[in-house]
């Protein structure tokens, strides 16, 4: 895999988003990590529709909990967390090959505790209109993955 990126979805709730993110991961040769509980079944029709017939080719890893996810990754790997509550911009982060790009669930994002624990590694995508609370998860993941690829060289 050219960039060796890992996209991590913590407790995703909407199958269409996860399907679209799965397609993005396959297109960019990134690994998709799904941290349970999931708000849907992997065989969900909506997931398959969004992921089309690509899901079977995707490098996807399921983790039964957040603790299990953290226990499974090598020590010292580059981690980046994305939240509208963070201060630095996603574009200010220097991505590295093998980076884990971590996103929270659609309705609540990342927990305050996680953002506090990793405050030096938390970034946001700017929103320029206060009427918009957040971006769609699949859009946010796309923005970050392609910024990482841009920095790492296509």
Foldseek 3Di string as FASTA:
>chain_A
DQQAEEEEEEQAADLLLQLQLQLVCVVVVYEYEYEDDHNDDCVDPNNCVNVPPCNVVHRYHYAPHPVRVVVPDDPPFAEAEEDPPADAALLPDQAGRNYYYYWYYDPPIDDPVVCVVPVVRYHYHDDDDPVDPDDGPSVVSVVNVVSNCVNVDD
